[in-house]
Amino acid sequence: MNVSRFEVNLFGENVYVLWNDATHHAIVVDPGMMRPQERDEVVAFIDGHQLQVKRLLLTHCHVDHSASARFVADRYGVGVEASPLDAPLAQHLPEQAAFFHLKVEVSPLLIDSPLNDGDVIMLDDDEIHVLATPGHTPGGLSFYIPSKGLALVGDSLFRGSVGRTDLPGGDHNALIASIKTKLLSLPAAVTLAPGHGPATTVADEKAFNPYIQ
């Protein structure tokens, strides 16, 4: 499996494309593109590599991670998959955009297929384990790929920091519990790829993250 990252929108959100260079099958995670040129860049990559998008996954339903979810779903004929606990957030994407004074046109987003803790998604021979990591949002998810030693953790954890919990539905205690029980329990060498900023590792966050000591 290959993992390609695209940094988009005013928040520097990380869009991830997981893809197999033999089968050309792909999964898009957190398409938060807001500008036409950002959409064009991601589409050019997918189409240029002749990828077949099989799934669209959201770690959570904040607008900076899902602004182009319906665009990607419609273009490639897939459903939007996320935790049903984030359905209220998805329904209020326009209000989220207004709250942050974003000049982006978004519509209420329908979650087509629910993702739940313990689900296993396949991209050809690679397993993607769905981990419920609530706290930043009620339905926050992380996606652990054992074969890659990689976890896509959304906005739960960042290098040396943790996700904010002051937005509607945020719960700091739940977030810290999620990080400690679901993310820091992964093997020490696992790379943690967040929704914003650079990647880190389980070992480094255990040793140096001041929010979870």
Protein backbone atom coordinates (compact mmCIF):
# COMPACT_ATOMS: atom_id res chain seq x y z
CA MET A 1 0.00 0.00 0.00
CA ASN A 2 1.13 3.51 -0.82
CA VAL A 3 0.07 6.55 1.20
CA SER A 4 0.00 9.99 -0.42
CA ARG A 5 -0.72 13.18 1.53
CA PHE A 6 -2.10 16.50 0.33
CA GLU A 7 -2.14 19.58 2.56
CA VAL A 8 -5.22 21.68 1.84
CA ASN A 9 -7.39 24.61 2.97
CA LEU A 10 -6.69 27.43 5.39
CA PHE A 11 -6.28 24.97 8.24
CA GLY A 12 -3.52 22.97 6.56
CA GLU A 13 -5.59 19.80 6.69
CA ASN A 14 -4.05 16.53 5.53
CA VAL A 15 -5.95 14.58 2.90
CA TYR A 16 -4.71 11.00 2.56
CA VAL A 17 -5.00 8.74 -0.47
CA LEU A 18 -4.25 5.08 0.22
CA TRP A 19 -3.55 3.15 -2.95
CA ASN A 20 -2.24 -0.09 -4.37
CA ASP A 21 0.05 0.35 -7.35
CA ALA A 22 -0.69 -3.17 -8.63
CA THR A 23 -4.49 -3.09 -8.62
CA HIS A 24 -4.88 0.72 -8.71
CA HIS A 25 -7.52 0.46 -5.98
CA ALA A 26 -7.66 3.46 -3.64
CA ILE A 27 -9.28 4.86 -0.51
CA VAL A 28 -9.62 8.60 0.13
CA VAL A 29 -9.50 9.79 3.75
CA ASP A 30 -10.67 13.24 4.91
CA PRO A 31 -11.13 15.18 1.66
CA GLY A 32 -11.18 18.68 3.13
CA MET A 33 -10.39 20.53 -0.09
CA MET A 34 -12.09 23.95 -0.19
CA ARG A 35 -10.47 25.71 -3.15
CA PRO A 36 -11.01 24.57 -6.77
CA GLN A 37 -7.27 24.18 -7.25
CA GLU A 38 -7.09 21.86 -4.23
CA ARG A 39 -9.79 19.65 -5.67
CA ASP A 40 -8.01 19.72 -9.02
CA GLU A 41 -4.73 18.61 -7.42
CA VAL A 42 -6.26 15.60 -5.71
CA VAL A 43 -8.33 14.63 -8.75
CA ALA A 44 -5.28 14.98 -11.01
CA PHE A 45 -3.35 12.61 -8.76
CA ILE A 46 -6.13 10.03 -8.63
CA ASP A 47 -6.90 10.18 -12.32
CA GLY A 48 -3.26 10.52 -13.35
CA HIS A 49 -2.42 7.29 -11.53
CA GLN A 50 -5.57 5.68 -12.96
CA LEU A 51 -6.78 4.89 -9.46
CA GLN A 52 -10.17 3.37 -8.77
CA VAL A 53 -11.56 4.93 -5.60
CA LYS A 54 -13.28 2.17 -3.63
CA ARG A 55 -14.04 3.88 -0.31
CA LEU A 56 -14.22 7.36 1.23
CA LEU A 57 -13.52 7.51 4.96
CA LEU A 58 -13.81 10.38 7.43
CA THR A 59 -11.99 10.48 10.74
CA HIS A 60 -14.60 13.02 11.84
CA CYS A 61 -17.12 15.42 10.37
CA HIS A 62 -15.64 18.86 10.89
CA VAL A 63 -15.85 20.95 7.76
CA ASP A 64 -12.07 21.20 7.31
CA HIS A 65 -11.96 17.41 6.90
CA SER A 66 -15.12 16.88 4.90
CA ALA A 67 -15.75 19.93 2.72
CA SER A 68 -15.23 17.91 -0.48
CA ALA A 69 -16.63 14.61 0.76
CA ARG A 70 -19.76 14.77 -1.36
CA PHE A 71 -17.74 15.97 -4.36
CA VAL A 72 -15.41 12.96 -4.12
CA ALA A 73 -18.28 10.57 -3.42
CA ASP A 74 -20.24 11.75 -6.44
CA ARG A 75 -17.25 11.89 -8.78
CA TYR A 76 -16.09 8.35 -8.01
CA GLY A 77 -19.40 6.68 -7.18
CA VAL A 78 -18.70 5.82 -3.55
CA GLY A 79 -20.48 6.50 -0.29
CA VAL A 80 -19.38 8.72 2.60
CA GLU A 81 -18.32 6.56 5.55
CA ALA A 82 -18.00 7.95 9.07
CA SER A 83 -19.16 7.36 12.62
CA PRO A 84 -22.92 7.80 13.03
CA LEU A 85 -22.13 9.71 16.21
CA ASP A 86 -20.86 12.54 14.02
CA ALA A 87 -24.04 12.70 11.93
CA PRO A 88 -25.22 15.94 13.63
CA LEU A 89 -21.93 17.61 12.73
CA ALA A 90 -22.21 16.38 9.16
CA GLN A 91 -25.70 17.81 8.88
CA HIS A 92 -24.45 21.22 10.00
CA LEU A 93 -21.48 21.73 7.67
CA PRO A 94 -22.87 25.11 6.46
CA GLU A 95 -23.10 26.34 10.04
CA GLN A 96 -19.55 25.14 10.72
CA ALA A 97 -18.30 27.05 7.69
CA ALA A 98 -20.11 30.18 8.84
CA PHE A 99 -18.69 29.85 12.35
CA PHE A 100 -15.15 29.93 10.95
CA HIS A 101 -16.04 32.67 8.41
CA LEU A 102 -15.10 30.39 5.54
CA LYS A 103 -15.97 31.46 2.02
CA VAL A 104 -16.81 27.96 0.87
CA GLU A 105 -20.06 26.50 -0.37
CA VAL A 106 -20.96 23.31 1.48
CA SER A 107 -24.25 21.50 1.96
CA PRO A 108 -25.45 19.31 4.81
CA LEU A 109 -23.61 16.00 4.50
CA LEU A 110 -25.29 12.62 4.73
CA ILE A 111 -23.26 9.71 6.07
CA ASP A 112 -24.03 6.90 3.65
CA SER A 113 -22.43 4.04 5.60
CA PRO A 114 -21.63 3.92 9.32
CA LEU A 115 -18.18 3.04 10.63
CA ASN A 116 -17.87 1.60 14.11
CA ASP A 117 -15.13 0.58 16.50
CA GLY A 118 -13.69 -2.78 15.53
CA ASP A 119 -14.66 -2.65 11.87
CA VAL A 120 -11.99 -3.90 9.47
CA ILE A 121 -11.78 -2.35 6.00
CA MET A 122 -9.82 -4.07 3.26
CA LEU A 123 -7.78 -2.44 0.54
CA ASP A 124 -6.87 -5.56 -1.40
CA ASP A 125 -4.68 -7.52 1.06
CA ASP A 126 -4.17 -4.68 3.54
CA GLU A 127 -6.34 -4.44 6.64
CA ILE A 128 -7.47 -1.06 7.97
CA HIS A 129 -8.72 -1.29 11.54
CA VAL A 130 -11.32 1.24 12.66
CA LEU A 131 -10.62 2.59 16.16
CA ALA A 132 -13.17 4.74 17.97
CA THR A 133 -11.24 7.72 19.34
CA PRO A 134 -13.91 10.16 20.58
CA GLY A 135 -13.10 13.42 22.28
CA HIS A 136 -12.33 15.93 19.56
CA THR A 137 -15.78 15.01 18.26
CA PRO A 138 -18.26 12.43 19.59
CA GLY A 139 -17.63 10.14 16.63
CA GLY A 140 -13.92 10.60 16.12
CA LEU A 141 -12.22 7.65 14.44
CA SER A 142 -8.67 6.55 13.72
CA PHE A 143 -7.61 4.11 11.03
CA TYR A 144 -4.79 1.68 11.89
CA ILE A 145 -2.99 -0.14 9.09
CA PRO A 146 -0.84 -2.89 10.68
CA SER A 147 0.94 -3.79 7.44
CA LYS A 148 2.20 -0.21 7.13
CA GLY A 149 2.86 0.40 10.82
CA LEU A 150 0.68 3.48 10.36
CA ALA A 151 -2.38 5.02 11.99
CA LEU A 152 -4.34 7.94 10.57
CA VAL A 153 -5.49 9.67 13.74
CA GLY A 154 -7.45 12.68 12.52
CA ASP A 155 -7.45 15.50 15.05
CA SER A 156 -7.14 13.31 18.13
CA LEU A 157 -3.38 13.63 18.46
CA PHE A 158 -0.65 15.82 16.98
CA ARG A 159 3.10 15.87 17.39
CA GLY A 160 3.53 17.15 20.94
CA SER A 161 -0.11 18.13 21.30
CA VAL A 162 -3.70 16.91 21.28
CA GLY A 163 -6.90 17.92 19.52
CA ARG A 164 -9.01 20.81 20.73
CA THR A 165 -12.14 19.98 22.69
CA ASP A 166 -13.76 23.41 22.99
CA LEU A 167 -16.00 22.96 19.94
CA PRO A 168 -19.53 21.47 20.18
CA GLY A 169 -19.36 17.82 21.16
CA GLY A 170 -15.78 18.02 22.40
CA ASP A 171 -14.82 16.17 25.58
CA HIS A 172 -11.27 16.52 26.90
CA ASN A 173 -11.45 13.58 29.30
CA ALA A 174 -12.78 11.33 26.55
CA LEU A 175 -10.03 12.50 24.21
CA ILE A 176 -7.22 11.72 26.65
CA ALA A 177 -8.77 8.32 27.36
CA SER A 178 -8.98 7.61 23.62
CA ILE A 179 -5.36 8.56 23.09
CA LYS A 180 -4.09 6.46 25.98
CA THR A 181 -6.21 3.36 25.37
CA LYS A 182 -6.45 3.25 21.58
CA LEU A 183 -3.43 5.08 20.14
CA LEU A 184 -0.61 4.82 22.66
CA SER A 185 -1.42 1.13 23.09
CA LEU A 186 -0.28 0.52 19.51
CA PRO A 187 3.29 -0.73 18.95
CA ALA A 188 5.90 1.90 19.80
CA ALA A 189 7.23 2.14 16.24
CA VAL A 190 3.82 2.88 14.69
CA THR A 191 3.69 6.17 12.80
CA LEU A 192 0.80 8.43 13.78
CA ALA A 193 -0.33 10.55 10.84
CA PRO A 194 -2.54 13.42 12.07
CA GLY A 195 -5.13 15.58 10.38
CA HIS A 196 -2.82 18.60 10.50
CA GLY A 197 0.94 18.93 10.65
CA PRO A 198 3.74 16.38 10.56
CA ALA A 199 3.64 12.73 11.53
CA THR A 200 4.99 11.38 14.79
CA THR A 201 5.33 7.98 16.47
CA VAL A 202 3.75 6.24 19.41
CA ALA A 203 7.13 6.13 21.15
CA ASP A 204 7.77 9.85 20.75
CA GLU A 205 4.33 10.86 22.01
CA LYS A 206 4.64 8.59 25.04
CA ALA A 207 7.98 10.16 25.84
CA PHE A 208 7.49 13.81 25.00
CA ASN A 209 3.82 14.82 24.69
CA PRO A 210 3.12 17.01 27.75
CA TYR A 211 -0.65 16.59 27.49
CA ILE A 212 -0.67 12.87 28.13
CA GLN A 213 2.00 12.37 30.75
